Amino acid sequence: MIHILVVLLIGVVLVAALGLGEGVGAASAIIAVVGVLLLSGIAWVFLAKGARPR
């Protein structure tokens, strides 16, 4: 659960950083969102595998 919160926090920081540099455009924002989704997906897979102590 903590890892998901960390990933979300990193995503918020990335979006805020891109928001400060608005000259970049919408493409970079879309790329950032996709990157955050990929990172959260990878973290979710690791948590799903590691959360089952068998």
N, C-alpha and C. Protein backbone atom coordinates (compact mmCIF):
# COMPACT_ATOMS: atom_id res chain seq x y z
N MET A 1 0.84 -1.20 0.00
CA MET A 1 0.00 0.00 0.00
C MET A 1 0.87 1.25 0.00
N ILE A 2 1.97 1.19 0.75
CA ILE A 2 2.86 2.34 0.82
C ILE A 2 3.49 2.61 -0.54
N HIS A 3 3.84 1.54 -1.27
CA HIS A 3 4.47 1.71 -2.57
C HIS A 3 3.53 2.42 -3.54
N ILE A 4 2.24 2.07 -3.51
CA ILE A 4 1.27 2.71 -4.40
C ILE A 4 1.19 4.20 -4.08
N LEU A 5 1.19 4.54 -2.79
CA LEU A 5 1.14 5.95 -2.41
C LEU A 5 2.38 6.69 -2.89
N VAL A 6 3.53 6.03 -2.80
CA VAL A 6 4.77 6.67 -3.27
C VAL A 6 4.71 6.91 -4.77
N VAL A 7 4.21 5.92 -5.53
CA VAL A 7 4.10 6.08 -6.98
C VAL A 7 3.14 7.21 -7.32
N LEU A 8 2.01 7.27 -6.60
CA LEU A 8 1.05 8.35 -6.85
C LEU A 8 1.68 9.71 -6.53
N LEU A 9 2.45 9.76 -5.45
CA LEU A 9 3.10 11.02 -5.07
C LEU A 9 4.09 11.45 -6.15
N ILE A 10 4.88 10.49 -6.67
CA ILE A 10 5.82 10.80 -7.74
C ILE A 10 5.07 11.31 -8.97
N GLY A 11 3.94 10.67 -9.28
CA GLY A 11 3.14 11.10 -10.43
C GLY A 11 2.64 12.53 -10.25
N VAL A 12 2.18 12.85 -9.05
CA VAL A 12 1.70 14.21 -8.79
C VAL A 12 2.84 15.22 -8.94
N VAL A 13 4.02 14.85 -8.46
CA VAL A 13 5.18 15.75 -8.58
C VAL A 13 5.54 15.96 -10.04
N LEU A 14 5.50 14.88 -10.84
CA LEU A 14 5.83 15.01 -12.27
C LEU A 14 4.82 15.91 -12.97
N VAL A 15 3.53 15.69 -12.69
CA VAL A 15 2.50 16.52 -13.33
C VAL A 15 2.65 17.98 -12.91
N ALA A 16 2.96 18.21 -11.62
CA ALA A 16 3.14 19.59 -11.16
C ALA A 16 4.35 20.23 -11.83
N ALA A 17 5.43 19.46 -11.99
CA ALA A 17 6.62 20.00 -12.65
C ALA A 17 6.31 20.36 -14.10
N LEU A 18 5.55 19.51 -14.78
CA LEU A 18 5.17 19.81 -16.16
C LEU A 18 4.23 21.00 -16.20
N GLY A 19 3.39 21.13 -15.18
CA GLY A 19 2.47 22.26 -15.14
C GLY A 19 3.22 23.58 -15.00
N LEU A 20 4.36 23.55 -14.29
CA LEU A 20 5.15 24.77 -14.13
C LEU A 20 5.79 25.16 -15.47
N GLY A 21 6.18 24.16 -16.27
CA GLY A 21 6.74 24.46 -17.59
C GLY A 21 5.68 24.28 -18.65
N GLU A 22 4.69 25.19 -18.67
CA GLU A 22 3.55 25.01 -19.56
C GLU A 22 3.93 25.17 -21.03
N GLY A 23 5.13 25.67 -21.32
CA GLY A 23 5.53 25.85 -22.70
C GLY A 23 5.78 24.52 -23.42
N VAL A 24 5.76 23.43 -22.65
CA VAL A 24 6.07 22.12 -23.24
C VAL A 24 4.92 21.67 -24.13
N GLY A 25 3.69 21.87 -23.69
CA GLY A 25 2.55 21.47 -24.51
C GLY A 25 1.83 20.27 -23.95
N ALA A 26 0.76 19.87 -24.65
CA ALA A 26 -0.09 18.78 -24.16
C ALA A 26 0.55 17.42 -24.39
N ALA A 27 1.41 17.29 -25.40
CA ALA A 27 2.01 15.99 -25.70
C ALA A 27 2.85 15.49 -24.52
N SER A 28 3.63 16.38 -23.92
CA SER A 28 4.47 15.97 -22.80
C SER A 28 3.60 15.60 -21.60
N ALA A 29 2.49 16.29 -21.42
CA ALA A 29 1.59 15.95 -20.31
C ALA A 29 1.01 14.56 -20.52
N ILE A 30 0.63 14.24 -21.77
CA ILE A 30 0.10 12.91 -22.06
C ILE A 30 1.17 11.85 -21.82
N ILE A 31 2.41 12.15 -22.27
CA ILE A 31 3.52 11.20 -22.06
C ILE A 31 3.74 10.99 -20.56
N ALA A 32 3.65 12.07 -19.78
CA ALA A 32 3.86 11.97 -18.34
C ALA A 32 2.78 11.10 -17.70
N VAL A 33 1.53 11.30 -18.13
CA VAL A 33 0.43 10.50 -17.58
C VAL A 33 0.62 9.03 -17.91
N VAL A 34 1.00 8.75 -19.17
CA VAL A 34 1.23 7.35 -19.56
C VAL A 34 2.37 6.75 -18.75
N GLY A 35 3.43 7.53 -18.53
CA GLY A 35 4.55 7.04 -17.75
C GLY A 35 4.14 6.73 -16.31
N VAL A 36 3.32 7.60 -15.73
CA VAL A 36 2.85 7.37 -14.36
C VAL A 36 1.99 6.11 -14.31
N LEU A 37 1.13 5.93 -15.32
CA LEU A 37 0.29 4.73 -15.36
C LEU A 37 1.15 3.48 -15.48
N LEU A 38 2.19 3.54 -16.30
CA LEU A 38 3.09 2.38 -16.45
C LEU A 38 3.79 2.09 -15.13
N LEU A 39 4.28 3.13 -14.46
CA LEU A 39 4.98 2.93 -13.18
C LEU A 39 4.04 2.34 -12.14
N SER A 40 2.82 2.87 -12.07
CA SER A 40 1.86 2.35 -11.09
C SER A 40 1.47 0.91 -11.43
N GLY A 41 1.38 0.61 -12.73
CA GLY A 41 1.06 -0.77 -13.14
C GLY A 41 2.17 -1.73 -12.74
N ILE A 42 3.42 -1.32 -12.96
CA ILE A 42 4.55 -2.17 -12.57
C ILE A 42 4.57 -2.37 -11.06
N ALA A 43 4.34 -1.29 -10.31
CA ALA A 43 4.32 -1.38 -8.85
C ALA A 43 3.18 -2.30 -8.40
N TRP A 44 2.02 -2.22 -9.09
CA TRP A 44 0.88 -3.06 -8.74
C TRP A 44 1.21 -4.52 -8.95
N VAL A 45 1.92 -4.84 -10.06
CA VAL A 45 2.29 -6.23 -10.34
C VAL A 45 3.23 -6.75 -9.25
N PHE A 46 4.23 -5.94 -8.89
CA PHE A 46 5.17 -6.36 -7.86
C PHE A 46 4.45 -6.57 -6.53
N LEU A 47 3.51 -5.68 -6.19
CA LEU A 47 2.77 -5.82 -4.93
C LEU A 47 1.88 -7.05 -4.98
N ALA A 48 1.26 -7.31 -6.12
CA ALA A 48 0.37 -8.47 -6.24
C ALA A 48 1.16 -9.76 -6.06
N LYS A 49 2.41 -9.79 -6.57
CA LYS A 49 3.22 -11.00 -6.42
C LYS A 49 3.80 -11.10 -5.02
N GLY A 50 4.19 -9.96 -4.43
CA GLY A 50 4.85 -10.00 -3.13
C GLY A 50 3.90 -9.95 -1.95
N ALA A 51 2.62 -9.63 -2.20
CA ALA A 51 1.68 -9.48 -1.09
C ALA A 51 1.12 -10.82 -0.63
N ARG A 52 1.47 -11.90 -1.36
CA ARG A 52 0.94 -13.21 -0.98
C ARG A 52 2.06 -14.06 -0.38
N PRO A 53 2.21 -14.03 0.93
CA PRO A 53 3.27 -14.83 1.57
C PRO A 53 2.93 -16.31 1.60
N ARG A 54 3.38 -17.04 0.58
CA ARG A 54 3.09 -18.48 0.55
C ARG A 54 4.39 -19.27 0.58
